[in-house]
Protein backbone atom coordinates (compact mmCIF):
# COMPACT_ATOMS: atom_id res chain seq x y z
CA MET A 1 0.37 -0.18 -8.94
CA ILE A 2 0.11 3.35 -9.14
CA THR A 3 -2.36 5.39 -6.86
CA HIS A 4 -3.72 8.70 -6.29
CA GLU A 5 -6.73 9.99 -4.59
CA PHE A 6 -8.08 14.01 -5.22
CA GLU A 7 -10.03 15.83 -3.26
CA THR A 8 -13.00 17.78 -4.82
CA ASP A 9 -13.51 21.58 -5.20
CA LEU A 10 -15.26 22.57 -1.98
CA ARG A 11 -18.35 23.44 -3.68
CA LEU A 12 -19.14 20.12 -4.38
CA LYS A 13 -17.92 18.77 -0.91
CA ASP A 14 -22.00 17.69 -0.34
CA TYR A 15 -22.33 15.59 -3.20
CA ILE A 16 -18.82 13.47 -3.90
CA GLN A 17 -16.70 12.49 -1.33
CA SER A 18 -13.37 12.28 -3.79
CA TYR A 19 -11.99 11.19 -7.01
CA TRP A 20 -9.57 8.37 -7.11
CA TYR A 21 -7.56 6.66 -9.72
CA TYR A 22 -5.17 3.36 -9.82
CA ARG A 23 -3.27 1.62 -12.75
CA ILE A 24 -2.12 -1.55 -12.45
CA GLY A 25 1.47 -2.38 -13.50
CA THR A 26 3.18 -4.64 -16.36
CA ASN A 27 2.71 -8.08 -15.43
CA SER A 28 0.45 -7.80 -12.46
CA VAL A 29 -3.00 -8.66 -11.17
CA LYS A 30 -4.70 -7.14 -8.27
CA HIS A 31 -7.38 -8.46 -6.03
CA PHE A 32 -9.23 -6.13 -3.60
CA ASP A 33 -12.00 -6.38 -0.74
CA ILE A 34 -14.28 -3.06 -0.87
CA PHE A 35 -15.90 -3.02 2.26
CA PRO A 36 -19.45 -1.12 2.22
CA ASP A 37 -18.61 2.84 3.32
CA GLY A 38 -21.93 4.44 2.72
CA HIS A 39 -20.75 5.83 -0.89
CA PHE A 40 -22.12 4.68 -4.36
CA CYS A 41 -19.43 5.27 -7.20
CA LEU A 42 -18.84 5.65 -11.07
CA VAL A 43 -16.80 3.69 -12.05
CA ILE A 44 -14.50 3.92 -15.14
CA ASN A 45 -11.90 1.11 -16.45
CA LEU A 46 -9.70 1.74 -19.40
CA LYS A 47 -7.32 -0.16 -21.25
CA LYS A 48 -4.70 0.65 -23.83
CA GLY A 49 -6.40 4.63 -23.36
CA ARG A 50 -9.54 3.11 -24.13
CA ILE A 51 -12.98 3.10 -21.79
CA VAL A 52 -14.09 -0.51 -22.00
CA ASP A 53 -16.43 -0.38 -19.11
CA LYS A 54 -18.17 2.17 -17.28
CA ARG A 55 -20.58 1.49 -14.24
CA LEU A 56 -22.35 2.72 -11.49
CA THR A 57 -22.58 1.13 -8.46
CA GLY A 58 -25.48 1.19 -5.35
CA ILE A 59 -24.32 1.36 -1.86
CA TRP A 60 -22.82 -2.03 -1.03
CA THR A 61 -24.16 -3.94 2.19
CA ASN A 62 -21.10 -6.77 1.82
CA THR A 63 -17.40 -6.73 0.40
CA ALA A 64 -17.22 -6.91 -3.06
CA SER A 65 -13.95 -8.50 -4.53
CA ILE A 66 -12.76 -7.57 -7.35
CA SER A 67 -9.78 -8.21 -10.03
CA TYR A 68 -7.74 -6.00 -12.07
CA PHE A 69 -5.01 -7.28 -14.46
CA GLU A 70 -1.85 -5.75 -16.15
CA ASP A 71 -1.93 -2.38 -17.62
CA GLU A 72 -5.48 -1.50 -16.39
CA GLU A 73 -6.48 2.04 -15.42
CA VAL A 74 -9.63 2.67 -13.30
CA LEU A 75 -11.45 5.97 -12.43
CA GLY A 76 -13.55 6.54 -10.29
CA ILE A 77 -16.04 8.98 -8.71
CA CYS A 78 -17.30 8.60 -5.12
CA PHE A 79 -20.44 10.24 -4.15
CA HIS A 80 -22.50 11.29 -0.89
CA PRO A 81 -25.69 10.09 -0.94
CA PHE A 82 -27.02 13.00 -0.61
CA ALA A 83 -26.37 13.75 -4.52
CA ILE A 84 -29.37 11.66 -5.58
CA GLY A 85 -32.04 13.75 -5.72
CA SER A 86 -30.17 16.90 -5.91
CA ILE A 87 -27.58 17.34 -8.22
CA PHE A 88 -29.03 13.71 -10.03
CA LYS A 89 -32.49 12.86 -10.40
CA PHE A 90 -32.42 9.12 -9.97
CA ASN A 91 -32.84 6.72 -7.42
CA ILE A 92 -30.27 3.85 -6.77
CA ASN A 93 -32.37 1.84 -4.77
CA SER A 94 -32.21 -0.73 -7.25
CA LEU A 95 -28.86 -1.11 -7.01
CA LEU A 96 -28.14 -2.02 -3.21
CA ASP A 97 -25.08 -4.38 -3.40
CA ASP A 98 -25.04 -3.91 -7.00
CA SER A 99 -24.05 -2.15 -10.15
CA LYS A 100 -25.02 -1.69 -13.96
CA TYR A 101 -23.49 -0.62 -17.08
CA ILE A 102 -23.68 3.02 -18.28
CA THR A 103 -24.44 3.14 -21.88
CA SER A 104 -23.03 6.79 -21.60
CA LEU A 105 -21.55 9.20 -19.77
CA SER A 106 -23.65 12.24 -20.37
CA GLU A 107 -25.90 11.34 -18.48
CA PHE A 108 -23.33 12.90 -16.28
CA ASN A 109 -21.81 15.60 -18.16
CA LEU A 110 -18.55 13.89 -19.58
CA ASN A 111 -17.62 13.14 -22.81
CA GLU A 112 -15.35 10.56 -22.77
CA LYS A 113 -12.82 11.67 -25.24
CA LEU A 114 -11.77 14.64 -22.76
CA LEU A 115 -12.29 12.33 -19.90
CA ILE A 116 -9.19 9.63 -21.61
CA ASN A 117 -7.35 13.20 -22.43
CA ASN A 118 -7.40 14.72 -19.37
CA LEU A 119 -6.06 11.60 -17.39
CA LYS A 120 -2.88 12.50 -18.70
CA ASN A 121 -2.29 15.21 -16.56
CA PRO A 122 -3.92 14.55 -12.35
CA LYS A 123 -4.22 18.44 -12.28
CA SER A 124 -6.22 18.68 -15.47
CA LEU A 125 -8.62 15.73 -14.89
CA VAL A 126 -9.60 17.40 -11.16
CA ASN A 127 -10.09 20.38 -13.03
CA TYR A 128 -12.05 19.01 -15.64
CA LEU A 129 -14.01 16.64 -13.21
CA ASN A 130 -14.80 19.66 -11.01
CA GLN A 131 -16.18 21.87 -13.79
CA GLN A 132 -18.49 19.35 -15.15
CA PHE A 133 -20.03 18.30 -11.71
CA LEU A 134 -20.30 22.13 -11.00
CA LYS A 135 -22.96 22.45 -14.10
CA PHE A 136 -24.95 19.84 -12.05
CA THR A 137 -25.03 22.08 -8.99
CA GLU A 138 -26.32 25.49 -10.81
CA ASN A 139 -30.03 26.36 -10.07
CA ILE A 140 -31.20 23.27 -8.04
CA GLU A 141 -32.92 23.47 -4.99
CA PRO A 142 -31.88 20.54 -2.71
CA ASP A 143 -34.16 18.95 -0.35
CA LYS A 144 -32.82 20.95 3.16
CA ARG A 145 -34.26 17.75 5.34
CA LEU A 146 -32.23 14.81 3.58
CA LYS A 147 -29.25 17.22 3.71
CA LYS A 148 -29.56 17.40 7.56
CA CYS A 149 -30.26 13.93 7.93
CA PHE A 150 -27.23 12.93 5.62
CA LYS A 151 -25.05 15.52 7.73
CA LEU A 152 -26.12 14.41 11.23
CA ILE A 153 -25.36 10.74 10.42
CA ASP A 154 -21.77 11.68 9.40
CA GLU A 155 -21.09 14.21 12.12
CA SER A 156 -22.15 11.34 14.83
CA ASP A 157 -20.12 8.80 13.11
CA GLY A 158 -23.42 6.85 12.54
CA THR A 159 -24.28 6.77 16.17
CA PHE A 160 -27.22 8.95 16.61
CA THR A 161 -30.48 7.04 16.57
CA VAL A 162 -33.19 7.34 13.69
CA ASP A 163 -35.98 9.11 16.28
CA LYS A 164 -33.24 11.66 17.31
CA ILE A 165 -32.26 12.35 13.46
CA SER A 166 -35.94 13.00 12.44
CA LYS A 167 -36.89 14.98 15.12
CA THR A 168 -34.01 17.06 14.53
CA VAL A 169 -35.05 17.23 10.61
CA GLY A 170 -38.44 18.02 11.69
CA LEU A 171 -39.97 14.48 10.04
CA SER A 172 -41.53 11.32 11.40
CA SER A 173 -39.19 8.29 11.62
CA ARG A 174 -41.46 6.96 9.25
CA GLN A 175 -41.21 9.67 6.71
CA LEU A 176 -37.85 9.97 6.75
CA ASN A 177 -37.18 6.25 6.74
CA ARG A 178 -39.18 6.12 3.61
CA LEU A 179 -37.36 9.13 1.77
CA VAL A 180 -34.30 7.58 2.56
CA THR A 181 -35.12 3.82 1.53
CA GLU A 182 -36.55 4.82 -1.68
CA MET A 183 -33.20 6.92 -2.66
CA ILE A 184 -30.81 4.64 -1.54
CA GLY A 185 -32.66 1.29 -0.69
CA MET A 186 -32.25 0.98 3.02
CA GLY A 187 -33.03 2.57 5.87
CA ILE A 188 -31.19 5.05 8.25
CA LYS A 189 -30.56 2.82 10.90
CA GLU A 190 -28.46 0.60 8.05
CA TYR A 191 -26.99 3.46 6.79
CA SER A 192 -25.87 4.57 10.02
CA LYS A 193 -24.72 1.10 11.19
CA ILE A 194 -21.94 1.33 7.75
CA ILE A 195 -21.25 4.97 8.98
CA ARG A 196 -20.15 3.69 12.14
CA LEU A 197 -18.19 0.88 10.94
CA LYS A 198 -16.40 2.86 8.10
CA ARG A 199 -15.43 5.05 11.15
CA SER A 200 -14.14 2.61 13.18
CA LEU A 201 -12.04 1.19 10.12
CA VAL A 202 -10.38 4.02 9.95
CA GLN A 203 -9.54 4.12 13.50
CA ILE A 204 -7.86 0.93 13.32
CA LYS A 205 -5.67 2.13 10.65
CA GLN A 206 -4.82 4.91 12.98
CA GLY A 207 -3.82 2.71 15.83
CA HIS A 208 -6.71 3.51 17.54
CA SER A 209 -9.01 1.44 19.83
CA PHE A 210 -11.29 -0.67 17.19
CA TYR A 211 -14.57 -0.61 19.32
CA GLN A 212 -15.29 2.89 20.10
CA HIS A 213 -18.62 3.59 18.70
CA TYR A 214 -19.75 0.35 20.14
CA TYR A 215 -21.22 -1.29 23.19
CA ASP A 216 -18.09 -3.38 23.75
CA GLN A 217 -15.69 -5.16 21.56
CA PRO A 218 -17.66 -8.30 20.64
CA HIS A 219 -20.27 -5.79 19.58
CA PHE A 220 -17.78 -4.80 17.06
CA ILE A 221 -16.44 -8.05 16.09
CA ARG A 222 -20.34 -9.19 15.24
CA GLU A 223 -20.91 -5.81 13.18
CA LEU A 224 -17.32 -6.71 11.22
CA LYS A 225 -18.38 -9.70 10.45
CA LYS A 226 -21.76 -9.06 9.43
CA TYR A 227 -20.73 -6.22 6.67
CA THR A 228 -17.24 -7.88 5.50
CA GLY A 229 -17.19 -11.24 6.44
CA THR A 230 -13.64 -10.45 8.11
CA LYS A 231 -12.31 -10.96 11.60
CA PRO A 232 -10.43 -8.38 13.69
CA SER A 233 -7.45 -10.10 13.21
CA ASP A 234 -7.57 -10.81 9.53
CA LEU A 235 -7.43 -6.81 9.48
CA ASP A 236 -4.45 -5.79 8.40
CA LEU A 237 -4.83 -1.99 6.81
CA ASN A 238 -1.33 -0.53 6.76
CA ASN A 239 0.54 -3.40 5.61
CA ASN A 240 -2.25 -5.25 3.03
CA ASP A 241 -3.14 -3.42 -0.40
CA ARG A 242 -6.17 -5.89 -0.73
CA PHE A 243 -8.10 -3.89 1.27
CA ILE A 244 -7.53 -0.61 -1.10
CA GLN A 245 -9.81 2.05 0.66
CA TYR A 246 -7.86 2.37 4.06
CA TYR A 247 -4.19 1.02 2.64
CA TYR A 248 -4.19 3.96 0.46
CA PHE A 249 -7.18 6.33 1.20
CA ALA A 250 -8.29 6.61 4.01
């Protein structure tokens, strides 16, 4: 299996986490468990140089199990929630733990033929994606309150309380929760828990304590079981590509 993760243009860092690509080898089938990570994605599947599926996923609160088959290619664009309501004028609240088929990539400013042609060269692919998504940032006026909200969650590894975030942002907890829920389908507390777990899994991969962001080990185990259905003893993030987010991309 061939895998790549590409960083975006720095001007897109508030909106896009990364681009990723993988290709399944001949006579091969791969099964992956995708853990909640606080992002929504545009996922494009190709076979024999043709796009066979394109989907927009929402944010997940549980593990999504997926399988890919021989010679299949997958391109993903992983977005931060702040992309909603800023570069994109749609919400994903109805896509919580779900996805929908996209009839055309034009709403993402992408041309299918150009996208396929650029897949042959990683540098050209990244340049093309950056160029197209940067067009969304022209003449936009993003909500600075929401930008600050998600920045605080990210910088605190999901440990700040809703009250602390709302006071820093300058909105009541109820107002801020309503805005976030309308955007992504969950409130600040739930989203923060997902970010905290994601950061803890990165710590595990790096060989650190796996509950440093929790009250104690049992607290971490409960949260891990809730969001992934997995026990700590089953996690082998460095040696099992079933956990593709951490095996390849963390």
